[in-house]
Amino acid sequence: PWYKMATAHEARAALSAPYVFSSMPEPGLTATRQARPGV
């Protein structure tokens, strides 16, 4: 989802909805930004 969210907001940084990390039972957020199409 983080990759798809960034490509959908290619002009600016995007913030995900809160979710629980798979590697530890803590909630968190992901901020994404597309550096170049596809990166």
PDB file of all heavy atoms in Angstrom:
ATOM      1  N   PRO A   1       0.807  -1.230   0.000  1.00  0.00           N
ATOM      2  CA  PRO A   1       0.000   0.000   0.000  1.00  0.00           C
ATOM      3  C   PRO A   1       0.836   1.274   0.000  1.00  0.00           C
ATOM      4  O   PRO A   1       0.457   2.260  -0.632  1.00  0.00           O
ATOM      5  CB  PRO A   1      -0.824  -0.131   1.290  1.00  0.00           C
ATOM      6  CG  PRO A   1      -0.892  -1.595   1.554  1.00  0.00           C
ATOM      7  CD  PRO A   1       0.408  -2.153   1.079  1.00  0.00           C
ATOM      8  N   TRP A   2       1.980   1.261   0.692  1.00  0.00           N
ATOM      9  CA  TRP A   2       2.780   2.474   0.765  1.00  0.00           C
ATOM     10  C   TRP A   2       3.333   2.866  -0.614  1.00  0.00           C
ATOM     11  O   TRP A   2       3.439   4.054  -0.921  1.00  0.00           O
ATOM     12  CB  TRP A   2       3.917   2.317   1.768  1.00  0.00           C
ATOM     13  CG  TRP A   2       4.860   1.170   1.490  1.00  0.00           C
ATOM     14  CD1 TRP A   2       4.765  -0.091   1.968  1.00  0.00           C
ATOM     15  CD2 TRP A   2       6.033   1.207   0.668  1.00  0.00           C
ATOM     16  NE1 TRP A   2       5.803  -0.878   1.504  1.00  0.00           N
ATOM     17  CE2 TRP A   2       6.606  -0.087   0.707  1.00  0.00           C
ATOM     18  CE3 TRP A   2       6.670   2.199  -0.085  1.00  0.00           C
ATOM     19  CZ2 TRP A   2       7.757  -0.424   0.023  1.00  0.00           C
ATOM     20  CZ3 TRP A   2       7.839   1.869  -0.767  1.00  0.00           C
ATOM     21  CH2 TRP A   2       8.365   0.563  -0.713  1.00  0.00           C
ATOM     22  N   TYR A   3       3.683   1.849  -1.410  1.00  0.00           N
ATOM     23  CA  TYR A   3       4.213   2.110  -2.749  1.00  0.00           C
ATOM     24  C   TYR A   3       3.106   2.666  -3.656  1.00  0.00           C
ATOM     25  O   TYR A   3       3.312   3.655  -4.382  1.00  0.00           O
ATOM     26  CB  TYR A   3       4.783   0.811  -3.326  1.00  0.00           C
ATOM     27  CG  TYR A   3       5.532   0.973  -4.628  1.00  0.00           C
ATOM     28  CD1 TYR A   3       6.908   1.198  -4.636  1.00  0.00           C
ATOM     29  CD2 TYR A   3       4.871   0.906  -5.852  1.00  0.00           C
ATOM     30  CE1 TYR A   3       7.598   1.356  -5.836  1.00  0.00           C
ATOM     31  CE2 TYR A   3       5.553   1.062  -7.053  1.00  0.00           C
ATOM     32  CZ  TYR A   3       6.920   1.283  -7.041  1.00  0.00           C
ATOM     33  OH  TYR A   3       7.596   1.434  -8.233  1.00  0.00           O
ATOM     34  N   LYS A   4       1.936   2.065  -3.581  1.00  0.00           N
ATOM     35  CA  LYS A   4       0.816   2.524  -4.408  1.00  0.00           C
ATOM     36  C   LYS A   4       0.366   3.933  -3.992  1.00  0.00           C
ATOM     37  O   LYS A   4      -0.006   4.742  -4.845  1.00  0.00           O
ATOM     38  CB  LYS A   4      -0.340   1.542  -4.295  1.00  0.00           C
ATOM     39  CG  LYS A   4      -0.018   0.154  -4.849  1.00  0.00           C
ATOM     40  CD  LYS A   4      -1.186  -0.783  -4.644  1.00  0.00           C
ATOM     41  CE  LYS A   4      -0.885  -2.178  -5.205  1.00  0.00           C
ATOM     42  NZ  LYS A   4      -2.021  -3.114  -5.000  1.00  0.00           N
ATOM     43  N   MET A   5       0.415   4.205  -2.685  1.00  0.00           N
ATOM     44  CA  MET A   5       0.008   5.524  -2.206  1.00  0.00           C
ATOM     45  C   MET A   5       0.954   6.596  -2.731  1.00  0.00           C
ATOM     46  O   MET A   5       0.515   7.684  -3.132  1.00  0.00           O
ATOM     47  CB  MET A   5      -0.014   5.520  -0.670  1.00  0.00           C
ATOM     48  CG  MET A   5      -0.429   6.835  -0.043  1.00  0.00           C
ATOM     49  SD  MET A   5      -0.572   6.717   1.762  1.00  0.00           S
ATOM     50  CE  MET A   5       1.118   6.298   2.209  1.00  0.00           C
ATOM     51  N   ALA A   6       2.247   6.309  -2.723  1.00  0.00           N
ATOM     52  CA  ALA A   6       3.219   7.293  -3.201  1.00  0.00           C
ATOM     53  C   ALA A   6       3.061   7.551  -4.690  1.00  0.00           C
ATOM     54  O   ALA A   6       3.157   8.697  -5.150  1.00  0.00           O
ATOM     55  CB  ALA A   6       4.627   6.822  -2.893  1.00  0.00           C
ATOM     56  N   THR A   7       2.855   6.511  -5.477  1.00  0.00           N
ATOM     57  CA  THR A   7       2.691   6.711  -6.921  1.00  0.00           C
ATOM     58  C   THR A   7       1.383   7.428  -7.238  1.00  0.00           C
ATOM     59  O   THR A   7       1.286   8.122  -8.256  1.00  0.00           O
ATOM     60  CB  THR A   7       2.737   5.356  -7.643  1.00  0.00           C
ATOM     61  OG1 THR A   7       1.754   4.469  -7.077  1.00  0.00           O
ATOM     62  CG2 THR A   7       4.110   4.717  -7.518  1.00  0.00           C
ATOM     63  N   ALA A   8       0.376   7.287  -6.333  1.00  0.00           N
ATOM     64  CA  ALA A   8      -0.884   8.009  -6.545  1.00  0.00           C
ATOM     65  C   ALA A   8      -0.742   9.484  -6.179  1.00  0.00           C
ATOM     66  O   ALA A   8      -1.459  10.328  -6.723  1.00  0.00           O
ATOM     67  CB  ALA A   8      -1.994   7.367  -5.718  1.00  0.00           C
ATOM     68  N   HIS A   9       0.176   9.816  -5.226  1.00  0.00           N
ATOM     69  CA  HIS A   9       0.433  11.214  -4.829  1.00  0.00           C
ATOM     70  C   HIS A   9       1.825  11.605  -5.314  1.00  0.00           C
ATOM     71  O   HIS A   9       2.695  11.983  -4.538  1.00  0.00           O
ATOM     72  CB  HIS A   9       0.364  11.362  -3.306  1.00  0.00           C
ATOM     73  CG  HIS A   9      -0.981  11.068  -2.726  1.00  0.00           C
ATOM     74  ND1 HIS A   9      -1.427   9.782  -2.515  1.00  0.00           N
ATOM     75  CD2 HIS A   9      -1.986  11.894  -2.317  1.00  0.00           C
ATOM     76  CE1 HIS A   9      -2.642   9.823  -1.985  1.00  0.00           C
ATOM     77  NE2 HIS A   9      -3.009  11.092  -1.861  1.00  0.00           N
ATOM     78  N   GLU A  10       2.023  11.528  -6.602  1.00  0.00           N
ATOM     79  CA  GLU A  10       3.383  11.696  -7.120  1.00  0.00           C
ATOM     80  C   GLU A  10       3.940  13.093  -6.898  1.00  0.00           C
ATOM     81  O   GLU A  10       5.152  13.284  -6.880  1.00  0.00           O
ATOM     82  CB  GLU A  10       3.394  11.369  -8.618  1.00  0.00           C
ATOM     83  CG  GLU A  10       2.421  12.210  -9.435  1.00  0.00           C
ATOM     84  CD  GLU A  10       2.395  11.798 -10.898  1.00  0.00           C
ATOM     85  OE1 GLU A  10       2.408  10.586 -11.179  1.00  0.00           O
ATOM     86  OE2 GLU A  10       2.374  12.706 -11.737  1.00  0.00           O
ATOM     87  N   ALA A  11       3.078  14.094  -6.690  1.00  0.00           N
ATOM     88  CA  ALA A  11       3.573  15.456  -6.570  1.00  0.00           C
ATOM     89  C   ALA A  11       3.934  15.841  -5.143  1.00  0.00           C
ATOM     90  O   ALA A  11       4.568  16.865  -4.925  1.00  0.00           O
ATOM     91  CB  ALA A  11       2.527  16.447  -7.096  1.00  0.00           C
ATOM     92  N   ARG A  12       3.555  15.043  -4.142  1.00  0.00           N
ATOM     93  CA  ARG A  12       3.808  15.425  -2.747  1.00  0.00           C
ATOM     94  C   ARG A  12       3.901  14.178  -1.883  1.00  0.00           C
ATOM     95  O   ARG A  12       3.572  13.073  -2.317  1.00  0.00           O
ATOM     96  CB  ARG A  12       2.693  16.327  -2.223  1.00  0.00           C
ATOM     97  CG  ARG A  12       1.296  15.751  -2.383  1.00  0.00           C
ATOM     98  CD  ARG A  12       0.240  16.781  -1.984  1.00  0.00           C
ATOM     99  NE  ARG A  12      -1.098  16.313  -2.299  1.00  0.00           N
ATOM    100  CZ  ARG A  12      -1.845  15.555  -1.502  1.00  0.00           C
ATOM    101  NH1 ARG A  12      -1.341  15.180  -0.341  1.00  0.00           N
ATOM    102  NH2 ARG A  12      -3.050  15.180  -1.860  1.00  0.00           N
ATOM    103  N   ALA A  13       4.372  14.414  -0.658  1.00  0.00           N
ATOM    104  CA  ALA A  13       4.469  13.313   0.295  1.00  0.00           C
ATOM    105  C   ALA A  13       3.074  12.929   0.776  1.00  0.00           C
ATOM    106  O   ALA A  13       2.164  13.750   0.823  1.00  0.00           O
ATOM    107  CB  ALA A  13       5.341  13.717   1.481  1.00  0.00           C
ATOM    108  N   ALA A  14       2.913  11.662   1.115  1.00  0.00           N
ATOM    109  CA  ALA A  14       1.624  11.146   1.565  1.00  0.00           C
ATOM    110  C   ALA A  14       1.809  10.391   2.875  1.00  0.00           C
ATOM    111  O   ALA A  14       2.891   9.859   3.165  1.00  0.00           O
ATOM    112  CB  ALA A  14       1.010  10.236   0.503  1.00  0.00           C
ATOM    113  N   LEU A  15       0.742  10.350   3.638  1.00  0.00           N
ATOM    114  CA  LEU A  15       0.769   9.708   4.952  1.00  0.00           C
ATOM    115  C   LEU A  15      -0.284   8.622   4.992  1.00  0.00           C
ATOM    116  O   LEU A  15      -1.435   8.839   4.607  1.00  0.00           O
ATOM    117  CB  LEU A  15       0.492  10.749   6.046  1.00  0.00           C
ATOM    118  CG  LEU A  15       0.800  10.356   7.482  1.00  0.00           C
ATOM    119  CD1 LEU A  15       2.301  10.140   7.665  1.00  0.00           C
ATOM    120  CD2 LEU A  15       0.317  11.455   8.423  1.00  0.00           C
ATOM    121  N   SER A  16       0.101   7.454   5.451  1.00  0.00           N
ATOM    122  CA  SER A  16      -0.830   6.331   5.499  1.00  0.00           C
ATOM    123  C   SER A  16      -1.743   6.438   6.709  1.00  0.00           C
ATOM    124  O   SER A  16      -1.508   7.236   7.623  1.00  0.00           O
ATOM    125  CB  SER A  16      -0.054   5.013   5.574  1.00  0.00           C
ATOM    126  OG  SER A  16       0.534   4.866   6.858  1.00  0.00           O
ATOM    127  N   ALA A  17      -2.786   5.648   6.707  1.00  0.00           N
ATOM    128  CA  ALA A  17      -3.609   5.509   7.901  1.00  0.00           C
ATOM    129  C   ALA A  17      -2.835   4.708   8.942  1.00  0.00           C
ATOM    130  O   ALA A  17      -1.923   3.932   8.608  1.00  0.00           O
ATOM    131  CB  ALA A  17      -4.921   4.807   7.556  1.00  0.00           C
ATOM    132  N   PRO A  18      -3.140   4.879  10.212  1.00  0.00           N
ATOM    133  CA  PRO A  18      -2.429   4.105  11.243  1.00  0.00           C
ATOM    134  C   PRO A  18      -2.659   2.600  11.056  1.00  0.00           C
ATOM    135  O   PRO A  18      -3.741   2.159  10.673  1.00  0.00           O
ATOM    136  CB  PRO A  18      -3.054   4.607  12.559  1.00  0.00           C
ATOM    137  CG  PRO A  18      -3.630   5.941  12.234  1.00  0.00           C
ATOM    138  CD  PRO A  18      -4.083   5.842  10.812  1.00  0.00           C
ATOM    139  N   TYR A  19      -1.627   1.829  11.354  1.00  0.00           N
ATOM    140  CA  TYR A  19      -1.736   0.363  11.285  1.00  0.00           C
ATOM    141  C   TYR A  19      -0.738  -0.220  12.276  1.00  0.00           C
ATOM    142  O   TYR A  19       0.149   0.465  12.793  1.00  0.00           O
ATOM    143  CB  TYR A  19      -1.478  -0.142   9.869  1.00  0.00           C
ATOM    144  CG  TYR A  19      -0.067   0.093   9.363  1.00  0.00           C
ATOM    145  CD1 TYR A  19       0.900  -0.910   9.417  1.00  0.00           C
ATOM    146  CD2 TYR A  19       0.297   1.330   8.826  1.00  0.00           C
ATOM    147  CE1 TYR A  19       2.183  -0.691   8.956  1.00  0.00           C
ATOM    148  CE2 TYR A  19       1.572   1.557   8.373  1.00  0.00           C
ATOM    149  CZ  TYR A  19       2.519   0.552   8.436  1.00  0.00           C
ATOM    150  OH  TYR A  19       3.794   0.775   7.985  1.00  0.00           O
ATOM    151  N   VAL A  20      -0.886  -1.507  12.557  1.00  0.00           N
ATOM    152  CA  VAL A  20       0.008  -2.198  13.487  1.00  0.00           C
ATOM    153  C   VAL A  20       1.135  -2.835  12.689  1.00  0.00           C
ATOM    154  O   VAL A  20       0.897  -3.603  11.743  1.00  0.00           O
ATOM    155  CB  VAL A  20      -0.756  -3.267  14.290  1.00  0.00           C
ATOM    156  CG1 VAL A  20       0.194  -3.988  15.247  1.00  0.00           C
ATOM    157  CG2 VAL A  20      -1.893  -2.626  15.076  1.00  0.00           C
ATOM    158  N   PHE A  21       2.384  -2.545  13.073  1.00  0.00           N
ATOM    159  CA  PHE A  21       3.533  -3.111  12.379  1.00  0.00           C
ATOM    160  C   PHE A  21       3.551  -4.631  12.535  1.00  0.00           C
ATOM    161  O   PHE A  21       3.224  -5.171  13.602  1.00  0.00           O
ATOM    162  CB  PHE A  21       4.833  -2.523  12.927  1.00  0.00           C
ATOM    163  CG  PHE A  21       4.998  -1.059  12.617  1.00  0.00           C
ATOM    164  CD1 PHE A  21       5.578  -0.202  13.538  1.00  0.00           C
ATOM    165  CD2 PHE A  21       4.577  -0.534  11.406  1.00  0.00           C
ATOM    166  CE1 PHE A  21       5.745   1.146  13.258  1.00  0.00           C
ATOM    167  CE2 PHE A  21       4.745   0.812  11.119  1.00  0.00           C
ATOM    168  CZ  PHE A  21       5.317   1.647  12.047  1.00  0.00           C
ATOM    169  N   SER A  22       3.952  -5.294  11.489  1.00  0.00           N
ATOM    170  CA  SER A  22       3.961  -6.764  11.518  1.00  0.00           C
ATOM    171  C   SER A  22       5.064  -7.311  12.412  1.00  0.00           C
ATOM    172  O   SER A  22       4.932  -8.405  12.983  1.00  0.00           O
ATOM    173  CB  SER A  22       4.140  -7.301  10.092  1.00  0.00           C
ATOM    174  OG  SER A  22       5.352  -6.814   9.529  1.00  0.00           O
ATOM    175  N   SER A  23       6.173  -6.563  12.578  1.00  0.00           N
ATOM    176  CA  SER A  23       7.305  -7.091  13.334  1.00  0.00           C
ATOM    177  C   SER A  23       7.221  -6.787  14.826  1.00  0.00           C
ATOM    178  O   SER A  23       8.037  -7.301  15.592  1.00  0.00           O
ATOM    179  CB  SER A  23       8.612  -6.506  12.776  1.00  0.00           C
ATOM    180  OG  SER A  23       8.553  -5.092  12.816  1.00  0.00           O
ATOM    181  N   MET A  24       6.277  -5.957  15.254  1.00  0.00           N
ATOM    182  CA  MET A  24       6.074  -5.733  16.682  1.00  0.00           C
ATOM    183  C   MET A  24       4.683  -5.134  16.882  1.00  0.00           C
ATOM    184  O   MET A  24       4.183  -4.393  16.035  1.00  0.00           O
ATOM    185  CB  MET A  24       7.142  -4.802  17.258  1.00  0.00           C
ATOM    186  CG  MET A  24       7.192  -3.421  16.697  1.00  0.00           C
ATOM    187  SD  MET A  24       8.438  -2.439  17.547  1.00  0.00           S
ATOM    188  CE  MET A  24       8.327  -0.895  16.646  1.00  0.00           C
ATOM    189  N   PRO A  25       4.043  -5.457  18.010  1.00  0.00           N
ATOM    190  CA  PRO A  25       2.652  -5.031  18.212  1.00  0.00           C
ATOM    191  C   PRO A  25       2.558  -3.569  18.646  1.00  0.00           C
ATOM    192  O   PRO A  25       2.143  -3.248  19.754  1.00  0.00           O
ATOM    193  CB  PRO A  25       2.174  -5.977  19.325  1.00  0.00           C
ATOM    194  CG  PRO A  25       3.394  -6.292  20.113  1.00  0.00           C
ATOM    195  CD  PRO A  25       4.521  -6.327  19.109  1.00  0.00           C
ATOM    196  N   GLU A  26       2.956  -2.697  17.733  1.00  0.00           N
ATOM    197  CA  GLU A  26       2.852  -1.270  17.998  1.00  0.00           C
ATOM    198  C   GLU A  26       2.229  -0.584  16.799  1.00  0.00           C
ATOM    199  O   GLU A  26       2.531  -0.932  15.651  1.00  0.00           O
ATOM    200  CB  GLU A  26       4.223  -0.653  18.279  1.00  0.00           C
ATOM    201  CG  GLU A  26       4.690  -0.811  19.706  1.00  0.00           C
ATOM    202  CD  GLU A  26       5.847   0.128  20.018  1.00  0.00           C
ATOM    203  OE1 GLU A  26       5.864   1.242  19.468  1.00  0.00           O
ATOM    204  OE2 GLU A  26       6.721  -0.266  20.803  1.00  0.00           O
ATOM    205  N   PRO A  27       1.365   0.395  17.037  1.00  0.00           N
ATOM    206  CA  PRO A  27       0.790   1.117  15.902  1.00  0.00           C
ATOM    207  C   PRO A  27       1.782   2.128  15.359  1.00  0.00           C
ATOM    208  O   PRO A  27       2.655   2.620  16.073  1.00  0.00           O
ATOM    209  CB  PRO A  27      -0.427   1.817  16.521  1.00  0.00           C
ATOM    210  CG  PRO A  27      -0.059   2.004  17.958  1.00  0.00           C
ATOM    211  CD  PRO A  27       0.804   0.832  18.325  1.00  0.00           C
ATOM    212  N   GLY A  28       1.628   2.421  14.088  1.00  0.00           N
ATOM    213  CA  GLY A  28       2.513   3.391  13.466  1.00  0.00           C
ATOM    214  C   GLY A  28       1.925   3.925  12.185  1.00  0.00           C
ATOM    215  O   GLY A  28       0.799   3.608  11.796  1.00  0.00           O
ATOM    216  N   LEU A  29       2.715   4.761  11.523  1.00  0.00           N
ATOM    217  CA  LEU A  29       2.328   5.390  10.269  1.00  0.00           C
ATOM    218  C   LEU A  29       3.470   5.279   9.280  1.00  0.00           C
ATOM    219  O   LEU A  29       4.632   5.118   9.673  1.00  0.00           O
ATOM    220  CB  LEU A  29       1.997   6.873  10.480  1.00  0.00           C
ATOM    221  CG  LEU A  29       0.855   7.230  11.444  1.00  0.00           C
ATOM    222  CD1 LEU A  29       0.923   8.711  11.774  1.00  0.00           C
ATOM    223  CD2 LEU A  29      -0.483   6.891  10.831  1.00  0.00           C
ATOM    224  N   THR A  30       3.144   5.408   8.029  1.00  0.00           N
ATOM    225  CA  THR A  30       4.161   5.421   6.981  1.00  0.00           C
ATOM    226  C   THR A  30       4.016   6.680   6.151  1.00  0.00           C
ATOM    227  O   THR A  30       2.913   6.994   5.689  1.00  0.00           O
ATOM    228  CB  THR A  30       4.036   4.189   6.074  1.00  0.00           C
ATOM    229  OG1 THR A  30       4.222   3.006   6.854  1.00  0.00           O
ATOM    230  CG2 THR A  30       5.073   4.220   4.969  1.00  0.00           C
ATOM    231  N   ALA A  31       5.137   7.377   5.979  1.00  0.00           N
ATOM    232  CA  ALA A  31       5.167   8.555   5.108  1.00  0.00           C
ATOM    233  C   ALA A  31       5.960   8.192   3.861  1.00  0.00           C
ATOM    234  O   ALA A  31       7.045   7.608   3.957  1.00  0.00           O
ATOM    235  CB  ALA A  31       5.805   9.743   5.818  1.00  0.00           C
ATOM    236  N   THR A  32       5.405   8.509   2.703  1.00  0.00           N
ATOM    237  CA  THR A  32       6.055   8.127   1.445  1.00  0.00           C
ATOM    238  C   THR A  32       6.139   9.335   0.509  1.00  0.00           C
ATOM    239  O   THR A  32       5.343  10.278   0.591  1.00  0.00           O
ATOM    240  CB  THR A  32       5.261   7.011   0.735  1.00  0.00           C
ATOM    241  OG1 THR A  32       3.953   7.502   0.413  1.00  0.00           O
ATOM    242  CG2 THR A  32       5.129   5.794   1.619  1.00  0.00           C
ATOM    243  N   ARG A  33       7.132   9.257  -0.379  1.00  0.00           N
ATOM    244  CA  ARG A  33       7.284  10.299  -1.411  1.00  0.00           C
ATOM    245  C   ARG A  33       7.979   9.668  -2.610  1.00  0.00           C
ATOM    246  O   ARG A  33       8.959   8.929  -2.455  1.00  0.00           O
ATOM    247  CB  ARG A  33       8.104  11.471  -0.870  1.00  0.00           C
ATOM    248  CG  ARG A  33       8.347  12.593  -1.883  1.00  0.00           C
ATOM    249  CD  ARG A  33       7.074  13.363  -2.167  1.00  0.00           C
ATOM    250  NE  ARG A  33       7.249  14.388  -3.180  1.00  0.00           N
ATOM    251  CZ  ARG A  33       7.549  15.667  -2.917  1.00  0.00           C
ATOM    252  NH1 ARG A  33       7.727  16.064  -1.655  1.00  0.00           N
ATOM    253  NH2 ARG A  33       7.654  16.534  -3.890  1.00  0.00           N
ATOM    254  N   GLN A  34       7.471   9.933  -3.769  1.00  0.00           N
ATOM    255  CA  GLN A  34       8.057   9.388  -4.986  1.00  0.00           C
ATOM    256  C   GLN A  34       9.247  10.249  -5.391  1.00  0.00           C
ATOM    257  O   GLN A  34       9.123  11.462  -5.574  1.00  0.00           O
ATOM    258  CB  GLN A  34       7.008   9.338  -6.102  1.00  0.00           C
ATOM    259  CG  GLN A  34       7.467   8.591  -7.333  1.00  0.00           C
ATOM    260  CD  GLN A  34       6.344   8.329  -8.309  1.00  0.00           C
ATOM    261  OE1 GLN A  34       6.142   7.223  -8.769  1.00  0.00           O
ATOM    262  NE2 GLN A  34       5.579   9.379  -8.640  1.00  0.00           N
ATOM    263  N   ALA A  35      10.412   9.603  -5.513  1.00  0.00           N
ATOM    264  CA  ALA A  35      11.620  10.329  -5.900  1.00  0.00           C
ATOM    265  C   ALA A  35      11.692  10.516  -7.408  1.00  0.00           C
ATOM    266  O   ALA A  35      12.139  11.563  -7.899  1.00  0.00           O
ATOM    267  CB  ALA A  35      12.859   9.573  -5.416  1.00  0.00           C
ATOM    268  N   ARG A  36      11.282   9.520  -8.128  1.00  0.00           N
ATOM    269  CA  ARG A  36      11.233   9.501  -9.586  1.00  0.00           C
ATOM    270  C   ARG A  36      10.169   8.479  -9.950  1.00  0.00           C
ATOM    271  O   ARG A  36       9.888   7.591  -9.132  1.00  0.00           O
ATOM    272  CB  ARG A  36      12.607   9.111 -10.155  1.00  0.00           C
ATOM    273  CG  ARG A  36      12.679   9.109 -11.673  1.00  0.00           C
ATOM    274  CD  ARG A  36      14.050   8.722 -12.150  1.00  0.00           C
ATOM    275  NE  ARG A  36      15.051   9.759 -11.830  1.00  0.00           N
ATOM    276  CZ  ARG A  36      16.334   9.662 -12.143  1.00  0.00           C
ATOM    277  NH1 ARG A  36      16.774   8.574 -12.753  1.00  0.00           N
ATOM    278  NH2 ARG A  36      17.160  10.634 -11.840  1.00  0.00           N
ATOM    279  N   PRO A  37       9.536   8.586 -11.072  1.00  0.00           N
ATOM    280  CA  PRO A  37       8.484   7.612 -11.382  1.00  0.00           C
ATOM    281  C   PRO A  37       8.926   6.175 -11.111  1.00  0.00           C
ATOM    282  O   PRO A  37       9.911   5.697 -11.674  1.00  0.00           O
ATOM    283  CB  PRO A  37       8.218   7.854 -12.869  1.00  0.00           C
ATOM    284  CG  PRO A  37       8.531   9.301 -13.059  1.00  0.00           C
ATOM    285  CD  PRO A  37       9.688   9.582 -12.146  1.00  0.00           C
ATOM    286  N   GLY A  38       8.229   5.554 -10.171  1.00  0.00           N
ATOM    287  CA  GLY A  38       8.524   4.167  -9.822  1.00  0.00           C
ATOM    288  C   GLY A  38       9.492   4.006  -8.683  1.00  0.00           C
ATOM    289  O   GLY A  38       9.605   2.907  -8.124  1.00  0.00           O
ATOM    290  N   VAL A  39      10.232   5.051  -8.291  1.00  0.00           N
ATOM    291  CA  VAL A  39      11.171   4.980  -7.174  1.00  0.00           C
ATOM    292  C   VAL A  39      10.532   5.711  -5.986  1.00  0.00           C
ATOM    293  O   VAL A  39      10.283   6.923  -6.048  1.00  0.00           O
ATOM    294  CB  VAL A  39      12.526   5.618  -7.522  1.00  0.00           C
ATOM    295  CG1 VAL A  39      13.470   5.529  -6.331  1.00  0.00           C
ATOM    296  CG2 VAL A  39      13.134   4.940  -8.746  1.00  0.00           C
TER     297      VAL A  39
END
